[in-house]
Amino acid sequence: MMAKLAGKVAIVTGAARGMGAAIARRFVEEGATVALTDVLPEVKATAQSMGPTASAYLHDVADEARWAVIVAEIVAQHGRIDVLVNNAGILMFKDLASTTAADLRRVLEVNAVGTFNGMRAVAPHMIRQRSGSIINNSSCDGISPANSLVAYASSKFAVRGMTKVAALELGPHGVRVNSVHPGNIDTPMVNPQGAPAEALNRGLAWFPAQRVGAPVEAANCFVFLASDEASFCMGAELAVDGGLISGHYYFGLPGAPEGVLPPQRAPK
């Protein structure tokens, strides 16, 4: 079988580790030439581990001028950009009363403005070639948020909204724009202590998968949206969250998992 992304040139932001690295690796495995970008210097080693079709750029996605430089270099070298994954993001846990305007601006600058900058940087090239796929990594918290996430959820709702507008404006030019909404993926951002999956799973009985997701499980969804198999997907919201935003269980009533204690009483 032909690789799903054979011949495509892609940019993946926030790709030094976690979900971004998993997305870039799957793209390489599927035949793409991939530029990995990140503010973390380790992005260079991550790219080297993927072989000659991966390259690395130090990059703050909030820096509009740096976007222009990177995109120009990639187009000069490869002649095109087929896929952009706006993955770079930061997470902040603070309640409304504790969140400052500076906190909010910091999260929005990376998660929302960074996504906006990326779309603006690649759009003219994709419009010129009459093809392209932009995939914006939002979050399940961009659909159904939780407490302590006022800044993060605001940024991810913004990404979700920008995706819709971009899909409307770029779709007639052959450019597809979609959003992915991960939840409970085992990455350094979500699990900075590096706790084993078994420990994380103990508190996850309240949604269908009842476990944390692996980065590659999310990455596979990005491969689909980047590929020609998703040719009729525009403005779509693809949840990769183990059913987290589908609802929750009333334990003890029919249809709930048997033999499972409610999360607050789960054994340690």
Protein backbone atom coordinates (compact mmCIF):
# COMPACT_ATOMS: atom_id res chain seq x y z
CA MET A 1 0.00 0.00 0.00
CA MET A 2 1.16 3.52 -0.77
CA ALA A 3 1.94 5.65 2.27
CA LYS A 4 -0.96 7.97 3.10
CA LEU A 5 1.16 11.13 3.04
CA ALA A 6 3.64 10.23 0.31
CA GLY A 7 5.13 13.32 -1.30
CA LYS A 8 3.52 15.79 1.10
CA VAL A 9 5.42 18.55 2.90
CA ALA A 10 4.21 19.28 6.42
CA ILE A 11 4.87 21.60 9.35
CA VAL A 12 4.13 20.44 12.89
CA THR A 13 4.48 22.97 15.70
CA GLY A 14 5.20 22.08 19.31
CA ALA A 15 6.87 18.93 18.05
CA ALA A 16 9.79 18.48 20.42
CA ARG A 17 7.90 15.97 22.56
CA GLY A 18 4.47 14.63 23.44
CA MET A 19 1.65 14.76 20.94
CA GLY A 20 3.52 16.97 18.49
CA ALA A 21 6.44 14.56 18.29
CA ALA A 22 4.03 11.63 17.83
CA ILE A 23 2.24 13.47 15.02
CA ALA A 24 5.50 14.31 13.25
CA ARG A 25 6.75 10.73 13.59
CA ARG A 26 3.55 9.27 12.14
CA PHE A 27 3.73 11.76 9.27
CA VAL A 28 7.28 10.66 8.49
CA GLU A 29 6.22 7.02 8.67
CA GLU A 30 3.47 7.78 6.15
CA GLY A 31 5.91 9.30 3.66
CA ALA A 32 5.80 13.02 4.43
CA THR A 33 8.68 15.46 4.62
CA VAL A 34 8.19 17.16 7.97
CA ALA A 35 9.46 20.38 9.55
CA LEU A 36 9.23 20.16 13.34
CA THR A 37 9.14 23.46 15.24
CA ASP A 38 9.30 24.22 18.95
CA VAL A 39 10.69 26.66 21.51
CA LEU A 40 12.47 23.71 23.15
CA PRO A 41 15.98 23.02 21.79
CA GLU A 42 15.33 19.28 22.07
CA VAL A 43 13.27 19.58 18.88
CA LYS A 44 16.55 19.12 16.98
CA ALA A 45 17.24 15.73 18.55
CA THR A 46 13.60 14.72 18.05
CA ALA A 47 13.83 15.51 14.35
CA GLN A 48 17.16 13.71 13.98
CA SER A 49 15.62 10.58 15.47
CA MET A 50 13.09 10.52 12.63
CA GLY A 51 15.59 10.38 9.79
CA PRO A 52 16.50 12.53 6.78
CA THR A 53 12.95 13.59 5.89
CA ALA A 54 12.55 15.47 9.19
CA SER A 55 14.07 18.86 9.99
CA ALA A 56 13.90 21.16 13.01
CA TYR A 57 13.33 24.87 13.62
CA LEU A 58 13.49 26.76 16.89
CA HIS A 59 10.25 28.68 16.84
CA ASP A 60 7.95 30.65 19.12
CA VAL A 61 4.58 30.43 17.35
CA ALA A 62 3.59 33.83 18.74
CA ASP A 63 6.41 35.37 16.68
CA GLU A 64 4.80 36.35 13.39
CA ALA A 65 8.09 37.36 11.76
CA ARG A 66 9.65 33.98 12.54
CA TRP A 67 6.68 32.27 10.89
CA ALA A 68 7.40 34.15 7.67
CA VAL A 69 11.07 33.10 7.71
CA ILE A 70 10.33 29.41 8.33
CA VAL A 71 7.58 29.17 5.72
CA ALA A 72 9.74 30.96 3.13
CA GLU A 73 12.63 28.54 3.77
CA ILE A 74 10.39 25.48 3.44
CA VAL A 75 8.79 26.73 0.23
CA ALA A 76 12.20 27.62 -1.21
CA GLN A 77 13.50 24.14 -0.45
CA HIS A 78 10.47 22.01 -1.32
CA GLY A 79 8.33 24.24 -3.51
CA ARG A 80 5.16 23.76 -1.48
CA ILE A 81 3.49 23.22 1.88
CA ASP A 82 0.74 20.63 1.96
CA VAL A 83 -0.04 20.28 5.67
CA LEU A 84 0.13 22.54 8.70
CA VAL A 85 -0.52 21.16 12.18
CA ASN A 86 -0.95 23.95 14.72
CA ASN A 87 -0.16 21.86 17.78
CA ALA A 88 1.95 24.12 20.00
CA GLY A 89 0.20 25.07 23.21
CA ILE A 90 0.50 25.71 26.93
CA LEU A 91 -1.76 24.61 29.78
CA MET A 92 -2.61 26.62 32.87
CA PHE A 93 -4.62 25.51 35.91
CA LYS A 94 -6.05 28.53 37.75
CA ASP A 95 -9.54 29.44 38.85
CA LEU A 96 -11.21 32.59 37.60
CA ALA A 97 -10.45 34.61 40.72
CA SER A 98 -6.75 33.72 40.60
CA THR A 99 -6.25 34.20 36.86
CA THR A 100 -4.81 37.58 35.94
CA ALA A 101 -5.20 39.41 32.67
CA ALA A 102 -1.50 38.72 32.09
CA ASP A 103 -2.13 34.99 32.57
CA LEU A 104 -4.94 35.07 30.05
CA ARG A 105 -2.90 37.01 27.51
CA ARG A 106 0.03 34.60 27.86
CA VAL A 107 -2.11 31.54 27.13
CA LEU A 108 -3.99 33.23 24.30
CA GLU A 109 -0.73 34.44 22.74
CA VAL A 110 0.56 30.90 22.30
CA ASN A 111 -2.59 28.84 21.83
CA ALA A 112 -4.78 31.24 19.85
CA VAL A 113 -2.49 33.85 18.29
CA GLY A 114 0.08 31.16 17.48
CA THR A 115 -2.57 29.19 15.59
CA PHE A 116 -3.75 32.35 13.83
CA ASN A 117 -0.17 33.21 12.81
CA GLY A 118 0.37 29.74 11.39
CA MET A 119 -2.77 29.78 9.28
CA ARG A 120 -1.98 33.24 7.91
CA ALA A 121 1.59 32.24 7.07
CA VAL A 122 0.74 29.15 5.01
CA ALA A 123 -2.60 30.19 3.52
CA PRO A 124 -1.21 32.17 0.53
CA HIS A 125 0.96 29.22 -0.53
CA MET A 126 -1.87 26.69 -0.18
CA ILE A 127 -4.24 28.99 -2.07
CA ARG A 128 -1.69 29.34 -4.88
CA GLN A 129 -1.30 25.56 -5.20
CA ARG A 130 -5.08 25.05 -4.82
CA SER A 131 -4.62 22.41 -2.12
CA GLY A 132 -3.67 21.95 1.50
CA SER A 133 -4.76 20.74 4.91
CA ILE A 134 -4.60 22.83 8.06
CA ILE A 135 -5.24 20.95 11.29
CA ASN A 136 -5.66 22.96 14.46
CA ASN A 137 -5.16 21.15 17.73
CA SER A 138 -7.88 22.41 20.01
CA SER A 139 -8.99 20.29 22.99
CA CYS A 140 -12.00 18.59 24.47
CA ASP A 141 -11.92 21.68 26.73
CA GLY A 142 -12.66 23.70 23.61
CA ILE A 143 -16.05 21.94 23.51
CA SER A 144 -16.84 21.01 27.11
CA PRO A 145 -14.51 22.74 29.58
CA ALA A 146 -13.75 22.09 33.23
CA ASN A 147 -13.06 24.26 36.25
CA SER A 148 -9.60 25.83 36.70
CA LEU A 149 -9.22 26.20 32.95
CA VAL A 150 -10.61 29.66 32.24
CA ALA A 151 -7.54 30.77 30.26
CA TYR A 152 -6.90 27.44 28.54
CA ALA A 153 -10.55 26.85 27.62
CA SER A 154 -10.84 30.41 26.30
CA SER A 155 -7.89 29.80 24.01
CA LYS A 156 -9.19 26.48 22.77
CA PHE A 157 -12.68 27.82 22.08
CA ALA A 158 -10.91 30.53 20.07
CA VAL A 159 -9.04 27.88 18.06
CA ARG A 160 -12.31 26.08 17.43
CA GLY A 161 -13.94 29.28 16.16
CA MET A 162 -11.00 30.30 13.97
CA THR A 163 -11.06 26.86 12.40
CA LYS A 164 -14.66 27.33 11.28
CA VAL A 165 -13.99 30.75 9.75
CA ALA A 166 -10.83 29.57 8.02
CA ALA A 167 -12.68 26.54 6.64
CA LEU A 168 -15.33 28.84 5.16
CA GLU A 169 -12.80 31.21 3.61
CA LEU A 170 -10.19 28.74 2.39
CA GLY A 171 -12.42 25.84 1.35
CA PRO A 172 -13.29 27.35 -2.05
CA HIS A 173 -9.55 27.51 -2.77
CA GLY A 174 -9.08 23.77 -2.17
CA VAL A 175 -7.70 24.18 1.35
CA ARG A 176 -9.27 22.09 4.11
CA VAL A 177 -9.24 23.35 7.71
CA ASN A 178 -10.30 21.12 10.60
CA SER A 179 -9.82 20.89 14.35
CA VAL A 180 -8.89 17.98 16.59
CA HIS A 181 -10.09 17.83 20.20
CA PRO A 182 -7.93 15.53 22.32
CA GLY A 183 -8.62 14.68 25.92
CA ASN A 184 -6.60 12.82 28.56
CA ILE A 185 -3.63 12.06 26.32
CA ASP A 186 -0.53 10.97 28.24
CA THR A 187 1.92 13.75 27.36
CA PRO A 188 4.44 15.77 29.39
CA MET A 189 2.03 18.72 29.41
CA VAL A 190 -0.80 16.68 30.93
CA ASN A 191 1.37 14.33 32.99
CA PRO A 192 4.50 16.33 33.93
CA GLN A 193 5.37 13.94 36.77
CA GLY A 194 5.55 11.03 34.33
CA ALA A 195 3.17 8.89 36.38
CA PRO A 196 2.53 5.43 34.91
CA ALA A 197 -0.64 4.98 32.87
CA GLU A 198 -2.01 2.56 35.44
CA ALA A 199 -1.94 5.28 38.09
CA LEU A 200 -3.62 7.79 35.78
CA ASN A 201 -6.34 5.32 34.85
CA ARG A 202 -7.59 4.97 38.43
CA GLY A 203 -9.39 8.28 38.26
CA LEU A 204 -10.82 7.83 34.77
CA ALA A 205 -13.76 5.49 35.35
CA TRP A 206 -16.32 8.17 34.48
CA PHE A 207 -16.07 8.10 30.67
CA PRO A 208 -16.22 5.25 28.12
CA ALA A 209 -12.53 4.49 27.51
CA GLN A 210 -11.78 4.51 31.26
CA ARG A 211 -8.10 5.08 30.54
CA VAL A 212 -5.60 7.65 29.40
CA GLY A 213 -4.84 7.82 25.69
CA ALA A 214 -1.44 7.32 24.07
CA PRO A 215 0.00 10.14 21.91
CA VAL A 216 0.04 7.87 18.86
CA GLU A 217 -3.72 7.36 19.19
CA ALA A 218 -4.18 11.08 18.72
CA ALA A 219 -1.51 11.24 16.02
CA ASN A 220 -3.38 8.73 13.88
CA CYS A 221 -6.32 11.13 13.69
CA PHE A 222 -4.02 13.87 12.41
CA VAL A 223 -2.72 11.50 9.74
CA PHE A 224 -6.27 10.95 8.53
CA LEU A 225 -7.08 14.68 8.32
CA ALA A 226 -3.77 15.39 6.60
CA SER A 227 -4.37 12.70 4.00
CA ASP A 228 -6.47 12.73 0.85
CA GLU A 229 -8.80 10.28 2.60
CA ALA A 230 -10.26 13.30 4.42
CA SER A 231 -10.95 15.18 1.18
CA PHE A 232 -14.54 16.05 2.19
CA CYS A 233 -13.75 17.07 5.77
CA MET A 234 -13.92 20.85 6.17
CA GLY A 235 -14.57 22.68 9.41
CA ALA A 236 -14.96 19.37 11.21
CA GLU A 237 -14.33 18.74 14.91
CA LEU A 238 -12.68 15.37 15.48
CA ALA A 239 -12.74 14.33 19.13
CA VAL A 240 -10.01 11.91 20.18
CA ASP A 241 -10.89 11.72 23.85
CA GLY A 242 -12.06 8.19 24.61
CA GLY A 243 -15.63 9.47 24.77
CA LEU A 244 -14.91 12.06 27.46
CA ILE A 245 -17.21 14.75 26.04
CA SER A 246 -19.98 12.27 25.26
CA GLY A 247 -21.33 12.41 28.81
CA HIS A 248 -20.75 10.64 32.11
CA TYR A 249 -21.97 7.61 34.01
CA TYR A 250 -24.45 7.47 36.87
CA PHE A 251 -22.85 4.58 38.68
CA GLY A 252 -25.32 2.07 40.03
CA LEU A 253 -27.86 2.69 37.27
CA PRO A 254 -28.33 0.45 34.21
CA GLY A 255 -25.77 0.99 31.46
CA ALA A 256 -22.89 1.97 33.73
CA PRO A 257 -19.79 -0.26 33.82
CA GLU A 258 -20.22 -3.09 36.26
CA GLY A 259 -17.93 -3.48 39.23
CA VAL A 260 -16.60 0.07 38.99
CA LEU A 261 -16.68 2.45 41.93
CA PRO A 262 -17.47 6.14 41.38
CA PRO A 263 -14.23 8.13 40.88
CA GLN A 264 -14.36 9.72 44.34
CA ARG A 265 -14.38 6.27 45.91
CA ALA A 266 -11.93 4.56 43.57
CA PRO A 267 -9.24 2.58 45.39
CA LYS A 268 -5.85 4.21 45.64
